Amino acid sequence: MRLLNLGLPDRFIHHATQQQQLAECGLDLRGVLDSVSGALKELPASVYQTSA
């Protein structure tokens, strides 16, 4: 089973607004969508496609 781990990196995160910090770590909306989309592309289509 593949696991997509999204979380804070083990490094200093610069002082900024919460939105800026999340974006820096790839945890804002765009970053999460990109991570999930990339993970889905690595799976065979039969795993996540449903029949109509």
C-alpha atoms as a PDB file:
ATOM      1  CA  MET A   1       0.000   0.000   0.000  1.00  0.00           C
ATOM      2  CA  ARG A   2       1.345   3.392  -0.974  1.00  0.00           C
ATOM      3  CA  LEU A   3       1.239   6.169   1.593  1.00  0.00           C
ATOM      4  CA  LEU A   4       1.450   9.850   0.765  1.00  0.00           C
ATOM      5  CA  ASN A   5       3.064  11.597   3.712  1.00  0.00           C
ATOM      6  CA  LEU A   6       2.368  15.333   3.855  1.00  0.00           C
ATOM      7  CA  GLY A   7       3.826  17.219   6.771  1.00  0.00           C
ATOM      8  CA  LEU A   8       6.275  19.778   8.003  1.00  0.00           C
ATOM      9  CA  PRO A   9       9.906  19.288   6.994  1.00  0.00           C
ATOM     10  CA  ASP A  10      12.617  18.763   9.582  1.00  0.00           C
ATOM     11  CA  ARG A  11      14.184  22.176   9.033  1.00  0.00           C
ATOM     12  CA  PHE A  12      13.745  25.775  10.120  1.00  0.00           C
ATOM     13  CA  ILE A  13      10.720  27.469   8.614  1.00  0.00           C
ATOM     14  CA  HIS A  14      11.230  31.206   8.210  1.00  0.00           C
ATOM     15  CA  HIS A  15       8.979  33.649  10.037  1.00  0.00           C
ATOM     16  CA  ALA A  16       6.106  34.717   7.821  1.00  0.00           C
ATOM     17  CA  THR A  17       2.343  34.598   7.699  1.00  0.00           C
ATOM     18  CA  GLN A  18       0.722  31.204   8.152  1.00  0.00           C
ATOM     19  CA  GLN A  19      -0.216  31.095   4.460  1.00  0.00           C
ATOM     20  CA  GLN A  20       3.362  31.886   3.405  1.00  0.00           C
ATOM     21  CA  GLN A  21       4.756  29.206   5.715  1.00  0.00           C
ATOM     22  CA  LEU A  22       2.341  26.601   4.396  1.00  0.00           C
ATOM     23  CA  ALA A  23       3.228  27.524   0.814  1.00  0.00           C
ATOM     24  CA  GLU A  24       6.956  27.253   1.591  1.00  0.00           C
ATOM     25  CA  CYS A  25       6.400  23.698   2.854  1.00  0.00           C
ATOM     26  CA  GLY A  26       4.061  22.679   0.034  1.00  0.00           C
ATOM     27  CA  LEU A  27       1.130  22.416   2.425  1.00  0.00           C
ATOM     28  CA  ASP A  28      -1.072  25.107   0.944  1.00  0.00           C
ATOM     29  CA  LEU A  29      -3.937  24.192  -1.386  1.00  0.00           C
ATOM     30  CA  ARG A  30      -1.766  24.221  -4.517  1.00  0.00           C
ATOM     31  CA  GLY A  31       0.982  22.140  -2.887  1.00  0.00           C
ATOM     32  CA  VAL A  32      -1.420  19.497  -1.570  1.00  0.00           C
ATOM     33  CA  LEU A  33      -3.220  19.258  -4.914  1.00  0.00           C
ATOM     34  CA  ASP A  34       0.108  18.866  -6.740  1.00  0.00           C
ATOM     35  CA  SER A  35       1.245  16.155  -4.309  1.00  0.00           C
ATOM     36  CA  VAL A  36      -1.989  14.177  -4.584  1.00  0.00           C
ATOM     37  CA  SER A  37      -2.101  14.571  -8.357  1.00  0.00           C
ATOM     38  CA  GLY A  38       1.487  13.352  -8.659  1.00  0.00           C
ATOM     39  CA  ALA A  39       0.788  10.361  -6.423  1.00  0.00           C
ATOM     40  CA  LEU A  40      -2.304   9.407  -8.451  1.00  0.00           C
ATOM     41  CA  LYS A  41      -0.297   9.532 -11.688  1.00  0.00           C
ATOM     42  CA  GLU A  42       2.049   6.899 -10.246  1.00  0.00           C
ATOM     43  CA  LEU A  43      -0.808   4.453  -9.580  1.00  0.00           C
ATOM     44  CA  PRO A  44      -2.258   2.138 -12.205  1.00  0.00           C
ATOM     45  CA  ALA A  45      -5.541   3.583 -13.466  1.00  0.00           C
ATOM     46  CA  SER A  46      -7.463   0.497 -12.346  1.00  0.00           C
ATOM     47  CA  VAL A  47      -6.781   1.385  -8.689  1.00  0.00           C
ATOM     48  CA  TYR A  48      -8.745   4.634  -8.611  1.00  0.00           C
ATOM     49  CA  GLN A  49     -11.112   4.559 -11.594  1.00  0.00           C
ATOM     50  CA  THR A  50     -14.715   3.607 -11.020  1.00  0.00           C
ATOM     51  CA  SER A  51     -17.080   2.072 -13.520  1.00  0.00           C
ATOM     52  CA  ALA A  52     -19.863   4.312 -14.788  1.00  0.00           C
END
